[in-house]
Amino acid sequence: MSHAHEHVSNTSRIWKVFTFLSFVTIVEVYLGIIKPDFLYLKNFLSMNLLNWIFIILTLVKAYGITWAFMHMEAEKSSLRWAVVATVIFLVLYLLFILLVEADYIYGIFKDSTIKWNF
């Protein structure tokens, strides 16, 4: 009896994705532990470079997980772009809110008599 579709093992692909995601996570943890001064003390758009690196690496991991485990590579280009464009829009929107609100709060506490209590 012949089957039209044989089961293909994805074990090597899973290990490649696991290795990639583990490497990115190890880099994030390493940077979080040592906090290099050239990244931690340097600001870009009201946030230090280390935080930008964490955001970028987290997005890379999210993309890798979506691409591999949600099988986006096998989908049509229009569906991939619908998912990716939505996520890009939401991430940019959340970053905008984060930067604007954090800068506002910093300005309030910096220029007033209210002291930092957190």
Protein backbone atom coordinates (compact mmCIF):
# COMPACT_ATOMS: atom_id res chain seq x y z
CA MET A 1 0.00 0.00 0.00
CA SER A 2 1.49 3.32 -1.05
CA HIS A 3 0.64 6.60 0.61
CA ALA A 4 0.46 9.79 -1.42
CA HIS A 5 2.12 11.82 1.33
CA GLU A 6 4.84 10.36 3.45
CA HIS A 7 5.60 11.76 6.87
CA VAL A 8 8.72 13.90 6.72
CA SER A 9 10.72 14.30 9.90
CA ASN A 10 11.35 17.89 10.90
CA THR A 11 13.75 16.98 13.69
CA SER A 12 16.76 18.72 12.16
CA ARG A 13 14.71 21.84 11.42
CA ILE A 14 13.42 21.94 15.00
CA TRP A 15 16.98 21.66 16.32
CA LYS A 16 18.15 24.47 14.02
CA VAL A 17 15.35 26.75 15.22
CA PHE A 18 16.02 25.74 18.83
CA THR A 19 19.74 26.50 18.41
CA PHE A 20 19.05 29.89 16.83
CA LEU A 21 16.51 30.91 19.48
CA SER A 22 18.80 29.67 22.25
CA PHE A 23 21.72 31.66 20.86
CA VAL A 24 19.67 34.86 20.71
CA THR A 25 18.41 34.26 24.26
CA ILE A 26 21.95 33.65 25.53
CA VAL A 27 23.09 36.92 23.93
CA GLU A 28 20.19 38.75 25.61
CA VAL A 29 20.94 37.25 29.02
CA TYR A 30 24.68 37.92 28.68
CA LEU A 31 24.09 41.57 27.74
CA GLY A 32 21.58 41.90 30.58
CA ILE A 33 24.08 40.58 33.11
CA ILE A 34 27.18 42.55 32.06
CA LYS A 35 25.39 45.72 30.86
CA PRO A 36 28.27 47.15 28.79
CA ASP A 37 28.73 50.87 29.44
CA PHE A 38 28.99 51.70 25.74
CA LEU A 39 25.44 50.37 25.29
CA TYR A 40 23.92 51.12 28.68
CA LEU A 41 25.07 54.74 29.00
CA LYS A 42 24.50 55.77 25.36
CA ASN A 43 21.01 57.06 24.51
CA PHE A 44 19.16 56.94 21.21
CA LEU A 45 15.61 58.34 20.90
CA SER A 46 15.23 58.76 24.68
CA MET A 47 16.23 55.18 25.47
CA ASN A 48 19.61 53.54 25.99
CA LEU A 49 21.06 51.37 23.24
CA LEU A 50 20.93 48.26 25.39
CA ASN A 51 17.14 48.49 25.60
CA TRP A 52 16.95 48.96 21.82
CA ILE A 53 19.05 45.83 21.37
CA PHE A 54 16.71 43.89 23.69
CA ILE A 55 13.68 45.07 21.72
CA ILE A 56 15.27 44.15 18.38
CA LEU A 57 16.43 40.72 19.57
CA THR A 58 13.00 40.00 21.04
CA LEU A 59 11.38 40.87 17.70
CA VAL A 60 13.88 38.60 15.92
CA LYS A 61 12.91 35.74 18.23
CA ALA A 62 9.20 36.43 17.73
CA TYR A 63 9.69 36.42 13.96
CA GLY A 64 11.64 33.16 14.13
CA ILE A 65 8.98 31.48 16.25
CA THR A 66 6.21 32.69 13.95
CA TRP A 67 8.09 31.69 10.80
CA ALA A 68 8.99 28.20 12.02
CA PHE A 69 6.25 27.06 14.36
CA MET A 70 3.28 28.83 12.85
CA HIS A 71 4.43 27.61 9.40
CA MET A 72 4.38 31.07 7.86
CA GLU A 73 7.04 30.12 5.30
CA ALA A 74 4.52 27.84 3.62
CA GLU A 75 1.80 30.48 3.36
CA LYS A 76 1.06 32.83 0.51
CA SER A 77 2.88 36.13 0.44
CA SER A 78 -0.29 38.13 1.02
CA LEU A 79 -1.08 36.30 4.28
CA ARG A 80 2.53 36.64 5.47
CA TRP A 81 2.45 40.38 4.80
CA ALA A 82 -0.92 40.74 6.53
CA VAL A 83 0.50 39.15 9.68
CA VAL A 84 3.88 40.92 9.52
CA ALA A 85 2.44 44.36 8.70
CA THR A 86 0.00 44.12 11.60
CA VAL A 87 2.77 43.18 14.03
CA ILE A 88 5.08 45.90 12.73
CA PHE A 89 2.34 48.50 13.14
CA LEU A 90 1.51 47.36 16.67
CA VAL A 91 5.16 47.24 17.76
CA LEU A 92 5.84 50.72 16.37
CA TYR A 93 2.70 52.03 18.06
CA LEU A 94 3.67 50.52 21.40
CA LEU A 95 7.22 51.86 21.09
CA PHE A 96 5.82 55.31 20.35
CA ILE A 97 3.63 55.17 23.46
CA LEU A 98 6.53 53.87 25.53
CA LEU A 99 8.90 56.62 24.44
CA VAL A 100 6.42 59.50 24.65
CA GLU A 101 4.98 58.55 28.02
CA ALA A 102 8.35 57.68 29.56
CA ASP A 103 9.81 61.00 28.41
CA TYR A 104 6.80 62.85 29.83
CA ILE A 105 7.06 61.10 33.21
CA TYR A 106 10.81 61.72 33.32
CA GLY A 107 10.23 65.43 32.62
CA ILE A 108 7.60 65.66 35.37
CA PHE A 109 9.84 64.14 38.00
CA LYS A 110 12.98 65.92 36.82
CA ASP A 111 11.54 69.46 36.91
CA SER A 112 9.21 69.25 39.91
CA THR A 113 9.42 68.92 43.64
CA ILE A 114 7.89 65.44 43.44
CA LYS A 115 10.51 62.83 44.26
CA TRP A 116 11.05 59.44 42.71
CA ASN A 117 9.32 56.88 44.89
CA PHE A 118 9.63 53.84 42.71
